Every structure is written in C-alpha cells, then in structure tokens.
Amino acid sequence: MPKLPVISGKECIAALRRAGFYELRQRGDHVIMHRDDPSATVSVPLHKTLKKGTLRTIIRQAGLTVDEFSDLL
C-alpha cells in the first residue's frame, strides 16, 4: 500500500480541484467539495496537517486511489 503524504487542508483542496471538484459551501473550517460526473461529495477540514485516517477517508470518498491523489499534488 502506498504511503500517504502529509499535507494541509488547503493542499488537499487544491488536489481535489485538479480532480474536477469545486467548492460547494463552507461552514466553519470545513469545506464541502462536490464533483458532478461521477457524482461525489467530500468534506475537507482546513487544518494545518490532516491526520492519516482523515486523508484516507477523503481519498476514498473522492473515488481516487492514493497513487492518483499523490499525482494530483
């Protein structure tokens, strides 16, 4: 299994934008990202560093693999 990178919430949002996501809304420090085709919605916390479990869940909900996500960074 590939190693997860240590990134911030802003870096994660930038990578998701490259994957076709856009910001749907924000409430507090959580940004809700959405992609129309294929449909997916992901909540990204704006923390300095995302925990590994949180990042893995974001990647899974986005329908990406760790390798695909790493290429988007």
C-alpha atoms as a PDB file:
ATOM      1  CA  MET A   1       0.000   0.000   0.000  1.00  0.00           C
ATOM      2  CA  PRO A   2       1.434   3.427  -0.962  1.00  0.00           C
ATOM      3  CA  LYS A   3       2.431   5.813   1.770  1.00  0.00           C
ATOM      4  CA  LEU A   4       0.104   8.737   2.428  1.00  0.00           C
ATOM      5  CA  PRO A   5       1.624  12.218   2.107  1.00  0.00           C
ATOM      6  CA  VAL A   6       1.466  14.682   4.999  1.00  0.00           C
ATOM      7  CA  ILE A   7      -0.486  17.658   3.664  1.00  0.00           C
ATOM      8  CA  SER A   8      -2.668  20.526   4.855  1.00  0.00           C
ATOM      9  CA  GLY A   9      -6.359  21.021   4.171  1.00  0.00           C
ATOM     10  CA  LYS A  10      -5.582  23.726   1.579  1.00  0.00           C
ATOM     11  CA  GLU A  11      -3.234  21.393  -0.311  1.00  0.00           C
ATOM     12  CA  CYS A  12      -5.924  18.708  -0.279  1.00  0.00           C
ATOM     13  CA  ILE A  13      -8.488  21.144  -1.689  1.00  0.00           C
ATOM     14  CA  ALA A  14      -6.067  22.149  -4.477  1.00  0.00           C
ATOM     15  CA  ALA A  15      -5.538  18.490  -5.416  1.00  0.00           C
ATOM     16  CA  LEU A  16      -9.295  17.815  -5.422  1.00  0.00           C
ATOM     17  CA  ARG A  17      -9.833  20.833  -7.705  1.00  0.00           C
ATOM     18  CA  ARG A  18      -7.421  19.240 -10.183  1.00  0.00           C
ATOM     19  CA  ALA A  19      -9.572  16.091  -9.992  1.00  0.00           C
ATOM     20  CA  GLY A  20     -12.688  18.032 -11.069  1.00  0.00           C
ATOM     21  CA  PHE A  21     -14.124  19.032  -7.684  1.00  0.00           C
ATOM     22  CA  TYR A  22     -15.430  22.502  -6.859  1.00  0.00           C
ATOM     23  CA  GLU A  23     -16.322  24.210  -3.580  1.00  0.00           C
ATOM     24  CA  LEU A  24     -20.000  23.773  -2.841  1.00  0.00           C
ATOM     25  CA  ARG A  25     -20.071  25.558   0.517  1.00  0.00           C
ATOM     26  CA  GLN A  26     -18.101  26.166   3.698  1.00  0.00           C
ATOM     27  CA  ARG A  27     -19.209  26.025   7.289  1.00  0.00           C
ATOM     28  CA  GLY A  28     -16.614  26.938   9.880  1.00  0.00           C
ATOM     29  CA  ASP A  29     -13.335  25.255   8.996  1.00  0.00           C
ATOM     30  CA  HIS A  30     -14.882  22.522   6.827  1.00  0.00           C
ATOM     31  CA  VAL A  31     -15.126  22.964   3.055  1.00  0.00           C
ATOM     32  CA  ILE A  32     -17.650  20.810   1.188  1.00  0.00           C
ATOM     33  CA  MET A  33     -16.327  19.845  -2.254  1.00  0.00           C
ATOM     34  CA  HIS A  34     -18.510  18.321  -4.987  1.00  0.00           C
ATOM     35  CA  ARG A  35     -17.955  16.696  -8.390  1.00  0.00           C
ATOM     36  CA  ASP A  36     -20.783  16.141 -10.853  1.00  0.00           C
ATOM     37  CA  ASP A  37     -19.507  13.273 -13.015  1.00  0.00           C
ATOM     38  CA  PRO A  38     -19.117  10.794 -11.389  1.00  0.00           C
ATOM     39  CA  SER A  39     -21.035  12.280  -8.505  1.00  0.00           C
ATOM     40  CA  ALA A  40     -19.088  12.607  -5.257  1.00  0.00           C
ATOM     41  CA  THR A  41     -19.175  14.922  -2.238  1.00  0.00           C
ATOM     42  CA  VAL A  42     -16.281  15.300   0.213  1.00  0.00           C
ATOM     43  CA  SER A  43     -15.825  17.333   3.399  1.00  0.00           C
ATOM     44  CA  VAL A  44     -12.287  18.700   3.888  1.00  0.00           C
ATOM     45  CA  PRO A  45     -11.233  20.276   7.217  1.00  0.00           C
ATOM     46  CA  LEU A  46      -8.943  23.308   6.885  1.00  0.00           C
ATOM     47  CA  HIS A  47      -6.318  22.035   9.341  1.00  0.00           C
ATOM     48  CA  LYS A  48      -2.554  22.613   9.159  1.00  0.00           C
ATOM     49  CA  THR A  49      -1.994  18.877   8.775  1.00  0.00           C
ATOM     50  CA  LEU A  50      -4.616  16.250   8.036  1.00  0.00           C
ATOM     51  CA  LYS A  51      -4.488  13.039  10.039  1.00  0.00           C
ATOM     52  CA  LYS A  52      -3.798   9.906   8.025  1.00  0.00           C
ATOM     53  CA  GLY A  53      -7.215   8.381   8.653  1.00  0.00           C
ATOM     54  CA  THR A  54      -8.963  11.609   7.666  1.00  0.00           C
ATOM     55  CA  LEU A  55      -6.939  11.903   4.458  1.00  0.00           C
ATOM     56  CA  ARG A  56      -7.541   8.250   3.554  1.00  0.00           C
ATOM     57  CA  THR A  57     -11.307   8.751   4.043  1.00  0.00           C
ATOM     58  CA  ILE A  58     -11.277  11.876   1.845  1.00  0.00           C
ATOM     59  CA  ILE A  59      -9.423   9.994  -0.896  1.00  0.00           C
ATOM     60  CA  ARG A  60     -11.834   7.035  -0.678  1.00  0.00           C
ATOM     61  CA  GLN A  61     -14.928   9.286  -0.778  1.00  0.00           C
ATOM     62  CA  ALA A  62     -13.486  11.100  -3.800  1.00  0.00           C
ATOM     63  CA  GLY A  63     -13.259   7.786  -5.647  1.00  0.00           C
ATOM     64  CA  LEU A  64      -9.480   8.019  -6.073  1.00  0.00           C
ATOM     65  CA  THR A  65      -6.560   5.792  -5.191  1.00  0.00           C
ATOM     66  CA  VAL A  66      -3.634   7.021  -3.094  1.00  0.00           C
ATOM     67  CA  ASP A  67      -1.411   6.954  -6.204  1.00  0.00           C
ATOM     68  CA  GLU A  68      -3.907   9.005  -8.227  1.00  0.00           C
ATOM     69  CA  PHE A  69      -4.228  11.512  -5.390  1.00  0.00           C
ATOM     70  CA  SER A  70      -0.438  11.779  -4.986  1.00  0.00           C
ATOM     71  CA  ASP A  71      -0.125  12.553  -8.721  1.00  0.00           C
ATOM     72  CA  LEU A  72      -2.565  15.451  -8.275  1.00  0.00           C
ATOM     73  CA  LEU A  73      -0.415  17.101  -5.583  1.00  0.00           C
END
